[in-house]
N, C-alpha and C. Protein backbone atom coordinates (compact mmCIF):
# COMPACT_ATOMS: atom_id res chain seq x y z
N MET A 1 127.37 -16.09 -30.54
CA MET A 1 128.25 -15.78 -29.90
C MET A 1 129.83 -15.86 -30.46
N ASN A 2 130.54 -15.28 -31.13
CA ASN A 2 131.57 -15.49 -31.58
C ASN A 2 132.89 -16.30 -30.85
N LYS A 3 133.93 -16.84 -31.11
CA LYS A 3 134.93 -17.58 -30.31
C LYS A 3 135.71 -16.59 -29.48
N LYS A 4 136.00 -15.39 -29.86
CA LYS A 4 136.47 -14.49 -28.80
C LYS A 4 135.51 -14.23 -27.63
N MET A 5 134.43 -14.14 -27.72
CA MET A 5 133.12 -13.64 -26.92
C MET A 5 133.03 -15.00 -25.97
N LYS A 6 133.01 -15.98 -26.65
CA LYS A 6 132.80 -17.71 -25.73
C LYS A 6 134.05 -17.23 -24.82
N GLY A 7 135.38 -17.18 -25.23
CA GLY A 7 136.58 -17.23 -24.29
C GLY A 7 136.60 -16.45 -23.65
N LEU A 8 136.19 -14.95 -23.62
CA LEU A 8 136.06 -14.01 -22.46
C LEU A 8 135.02 -14.58 -21.29
N PHE A 9 133.69 -14.97 -21.94
CA PHE A 9 132.78 -15.30 -20.82
C PHE A 9 132.98 -16.36 -20.46
N LEU A 10 133.83 -17.40 -20.63
CA LEU A 10 134.58 -18.59 -19.84
C LEU A 10 135.66 -17.84 -18.98
N ILE A 11 136.47 -17.31 -19.17
CA ILE A 11 137.32 -16.45 -18.41
C ILE A 11 136.72 -15.76 -17.29
N PHE A 12 135.76 -14.87 -17.11
CA PHE A 12 135.02 -14.15 -16.41
C PHE A 12 133.68 -14.80 -15.88
N LYS A 13 133.48 -16.32 -16.20
CA LYS A 13 132.33 -16.79 -15.54
C LYS A 13 132.19 -16.92 -13.99
N GLY A 14 131.16 -16.14 -13.72
CA GLY A 14 130.86 -16.14 -12.02
C GLY A 14 131.10 -14.69 -11.55
N ILE A 15 132.04 -14.05 -12.02
CA ILE A 15 132.75 -12.66 -11.68
C ILE A 15 131.35 -11.84 -11.98
N LYS A 16 131.07 -11.09 -10.45
CA LYS A 16 130.34 -9.90 -10.89
C LYS A 16 130.98 -8.63 -11.02
N PHE A 17 130.50 -7.42 -11.83
CA PHE A 17 130.90 -6.75 -12.29
C PHE A 17 130.01 -5.58 -11.87
N LYS A 18 130.46 -4.21 -11.84
CA LYS A 18 129.73 -2.98 -11.64
C LYS A 18 130.65 -1.79 -12.30
N GLU A 19 129.65 -0.87 -12.35
CA GLU A 19 130.37 0.46 -13.04
C GLU A 19 131.37 0.98 -12.23
N ILE A 20 131.96 1.68 -12.55
CA ILE A 20 133.41 2.56 -11.83
C ILE A 20 132.77 3.41 -11.10
N ASP A 21 132.75 3.86 -9.79
CA ASP A 21 132.25 4.69 -8.89
C ASP A 21 133.13 5.90 -8.75
N SER A 22 132.79 6.56 -7.88
CA SER A 22 133.28 8.13 -7.95
C SER A 22 134.22 8.27 -6.63
N TYR A 23 134.29 7.23 -6.20
CA TYR A 23 135.08 7.53 -4.78
C TYR A 23 136.02 6.60 -4.60
N GLY A 24 136.56 5.79 -5.27
CA GLY A 24 137.56 5.29 -5.46
C GLY A 24 138.57 5.69 -6.28
N ASP A 25 140.08 5.27 -6.26
CA ASP A 25 140.79 5.69 -7.36
C ASP A 25 140.96 4.76 -8.41
N LEU A 26 141.10 4.80 -9.54
CA LEU A 26 141.16 3.99 -10.65
C LEU A 26 142.44 4.14 -11.21
N MET A 27 143.22 3.24 -11.08
CA MET A 27 144.47 3.17 -11.50
C MET A 27 144.85 1.89 -12.30
N THR A 28 145.89 2.04 -13.38
CA THR A 28 146.57 0.80 -13.97
C THR A 28 146.97 -0.29 -13.02
N ILE A 29 147.08 -1.59 -13.66
CA ILE A 29 147.76 -2.39 -12.67
C ILE A 29 149.26 -2.20 -12.56
N LYS A 30 149.88 -1.55 -13.64
CA LYS A 30 151.37 -1.36 -13.70
C LYS A 30 151.37 -0.10 -12.81
N ASP A 31 150.87 0.78 -12.46
CA ASP A 31 151.02 1.92 -11.61
C ASP A 31 150.52 1.58 -9.94
N PHE A 32 149.80 0.76 -10.30
CA PHE A 32 149.39 0.05 -8.79
C PHE A 32 150.77 -0.39 -8.21
N ILE A 33 151.39 -1.79 -8.64
CA ILE A 33 152.49 -2.39 -8.51
C ILE A 33 153.41 -1.19 -8.35
N SER A 34 153.65 -0.37 -8.95
CA SER A 34 154.71 0.70 -8.90
C SER A 34 154.59 1.33 -7.59
N ALA A 35 153.01 1.57 -7.26
CA ALA A 35 152.98 2.66 -5.93
C ALA A 35 153.31 1.60 -4.77
N VAL A 36 152.82 0.19 -4.99
CA VAL A 36 153.19 -0.59 -3.96
C VAL A 36 154.71 -1.07 -3.67
N LYS A 37 155.39 -1.05 -4.65
CA LYS A 37 156.90 -1.32 -4.76
C LYS A 37 157.81 -0.06 -4.20
N SER A 38 157.04 1.09 -4.38
CA SER A 38 157.42 2.24 -3.68
C SER A 38 157.35 2.60 -2.63
N GLY A 39 156.40 1.93 -1.69
CA GLY A 39 155.85 1.90 -0.48
C GLY A 39 154.91 3.01 -0.25
N ASN A 40 153.86 3.30 -1.12
CA ASN A 40 152.83 4.25 -0.94
C ASN A 40 151.86 3.51 -0.49
N PHE A 41 151.50 2.10 -0.73
CA PHE A 41 150.46 1.52 -0.12
C PHE A 41 150.57 0.59 0.55
N ILE A 42 150.29 0.21 1.88
CA ILE A 42 150.11 -0.76 2.56
C ILE A 42 148.58 -1.84 2.97
N ASP A 43 148.88 -2.72 3.13
CA ASP A 43 147.40 -3.27 3.47
C ASP A 43 146.63 -1.99 4.29
N TYR A 44 147.22 -1.65 5.47
CA TYR A 44 146.70 -1.06 6.54
C TYR A 44 145.96 0.34 5.86
N ASP A 45 146.60 0.77 4.70
CA ASP A 45 146.01 2.22 4.39
C ASP A 45 144.45 1.74 3.51
N GLY A 46 144.44 0.46 3.18
CA GLY A 46 142.93 0.45 2.28
C GLY A 46 142.92 -0.77 1.63
N THR A 47 141.96 -0.91 0.23
CA THR A 47 142.01 -2.04 -0.19
C THR A 47 141.50 -1.71 -1.70
N GLY A 48 142.34 -2.91 -2.60
CA GLY A 48 141.29 -2.39 -3.86
C GLY A 48 140.83 -3.48 -4.48
N LEU A 49 140.12 -3.29 -5.23
CA LEU A 49 139.27 -4.35 -6.23
C LEU A 49 139.44 -4.34 -7.98
N TYR A 50 140.02 -5.37 -8.67
CA TYR A 50 140.12 -5.52 -9.63
C TYR A 50 139.32 -5.03 -10.65
N ALA A 51 139.71 -4.28 -11.75
CA ALA A 51 138.95 -3.65 -12.66
C ALA A 51 139.34 -3.46 -13.99
N PHE A 52 138.77 -2.85 -14.77
CA PHE A 52 138.68 -2.60 -16.32
C PHE A 52 138.70 -1.03 -16.41
N LYS A 53 139.17 -0.62 -17.34
CA LYS A 53 138.89 0.81 -17.51
C LYS A 53 137.69 1.36 -17.30
N ASP A 54 136.75 0.43 -17.55
CA ASP A 54 135.21 1.08 -17.61
C ASP A 54 134.55 0.33 -16.92
N MET A 55 134.84 -0.97 -15.96
CA MET A 55 134.01 -1.67 -14.86
C MET A 55 134.88 -2.33 -13.92
N GLN A 56 134.40 -2.44 -12.76
CA GLN A 56 134.96 -3.03 -11.66
C GLN A 56 134.27 -4.06 -11.34
N THR A 57 135.27 -5.06 -10.58
CA THR A 57 134.68 -6.24 -9.99
C THR A 57 133.68 -5.69 -8.42
N LYS A 58 132.79 -6.47 -8.16
CA LYS A 58 131.94 -6.19 -6.91
C LYS A 58 133.09 -6.79 -5.79
N ASP A 59 133.52 -7.77 -6.17
CA ASP A 59 134.19 -8.44 -4.53
C ASP A 59 135.89 -9.17 -5.08
N ILE A 60 136.63 -8.84 -5.93
CA ILE A 60 137.45 -9.46 -6.22
C ILE A 60 138.64 -8.45 -5.62
N GLU A 61 139.06 -8.78 -4.17
CA GLU A 61 140.05 -7.72 -3.53
C GLU A 61 141.43 -8.21 -4.04
N VAL A 62 142.18 -6.92 -4.22
CA VAL A 62 143.57 -6.92 -4.34
C VAL A 62 144.22 -6.23 -3.30
N LEU A 63 145.38 -6.61 -2.42
CA LEU A 63 146.01 -6.06 -1.21
C LEU A 63 147.27 -5.68 -1.79
N PRO A 64 147.94 -4.55 -1.11
CA PRO A 64 149.27 -4.47 -1.50
C PRO A 64 150.11 -5.58 -0.96
N SER A 65 149.63 -6.46 -0.37
CA SER A 65 150.67 -7.83 0.70
C SER A 65 150.85 -8.74 -0.88
N ASP A 66 149.62 -8.47 -1.51
CA ASP A 66 149.28 -9.75 -2.65
C ASP A 66 150.53 -9.26 -3.70
N ILE A 67 150.67 -7.96 -3.86
CA ILE A 67 151.49 -7.85 -4.98
C ILE A 67 152.94 -7.94 -4.51
N SER A 68 153.39 -7.74 -3.38
CA SER A 68 154.44 -8.23 -2.55
C SER A 68 154.90 -9.45 -2.47
N LYS A 69 153.84 -10.65 -2.88
CA LYS A 69 153.90 -11.87 -2.95
C LYS A 69 154.08 -12.37 -4.20
N GLY A 70 153.77 -11.24 -5.25
CA GLY A 70 153.86 -11.82 -6.73
C GLY A 70 152.55 -12.36 -7.00
N LYS A 71 151.67 -12.18 -6.34
CA LYS A 71 149.97 -12.45 -6.75
C LYS A 71 149.33 -11.56 -7.27
N VAL A 72 149.19 -11.45 -8.34
CA VAL A 72 148.76 -10.43 -9.55
C VAL A 72 147.87 -11.23 -10.40
N ASP A 73 146.41 -10.93 -10.44
CA ASP A 73 145.51 -11.37 -11.32
C ASP A 73 145.70 -10.80 -12.83
N LYS A 74 146.27 -11.56 -13.77
CA LYS A 74 146.75 -10.75 -14.98
C LYS A 74 145.38 -10.65 -15.63
N ARG A 75 144.49 -11.39 -15.60
CA ARG A 75 143.16 -11.20 -16.16
C ARG A 75 142.64 -9.62 -16.19
N PHE A 76 142.93 -8.74 -15.49
CA PHE A 76 142.55 -7.57 -15.19
C PHE A 76 143.37 -6.31 -15.75
N THR A 77 143.26 -5.09 -16.02
CA THR A 77 143.90 -4.24 -16.14
C THR A 77 144.12 -3.06 -15.35
N HIS A 78 142.95 -2.97 -14.39
CA HIS A 78 143.53 -1.78 -13.70
C HIS A 78 142.84 -2.28 -12.20
N VAL A 79 143.06 -1.53 -11.20
CA VAL A 79 142.59 -1.54 -9.79
C VAL A 79 141.78 -0.39 -9.27
N MET A 80 140.71 -0.50 -8.49
CA MET A 80 140.18 0.60 -8.09
C MET A 80 140.60 0.63 -6.70
N TRP A 81 141.23 1.42 -6.13
CA TRP A 81 142.16 1.52 -4.84
C TRP A 81 140.88 2.47 -3.63
N TYR A 82 140.47 2.06 -2.73
CA TYR A 82 139.83 2.70 -1.56
C TYR A 82 140.85 2.64 -0.71
N ASN A 83 141.22 4.08 -0.34
CA ASN A 83 142.02 4.21 0.76
C ASN A 83 140.99 4.79 2.03
N LYS A 84 141.25 4.13 2.95
CA LYS A 84 140.76 4.49 4.58
C LYS A 84 140.72 5.88 4.88
N TRP A 85 142.10 6.44 4.71
CA TRP A 85 142.28 7.82 4.99
C TRP A 85 142.17 8.81 3.96
N LYS A 86 141.23 8.63 3.07
CA LYS A 86 140.99 9.66 1.84
C LYS A 86 140.56 10.78 2.60
N LEU A 87 141.01 12.11 2.37
CA LEU A 87 140.45 13.38 3.08
C LEU A 87 139.41 13.61 1.84
N ARG A 88 138.34 14.07 2.55
CA ARG A 88 136.94 14.64 1.88
C ARG A 88 136.88 16.00 2.06
């Protein structure tokens, strides 16, 4: 294992990941922050899971109120958003 891979392993040690699913909305952290600041998402609307472009965490949640408080986990590049009220 090279140094870069060892570093990534230590950063994400103990975090469980899964493939991106088809029923959430994947967006970049930047887009999620912008949506929260614009009032598009509030905690009551749903919940997000931190993610990357091709995989998401199983249980590391991010809520709009976290963003409002400046609590952003910068290890991740995306958020998978699950809206409670999504029309089917």
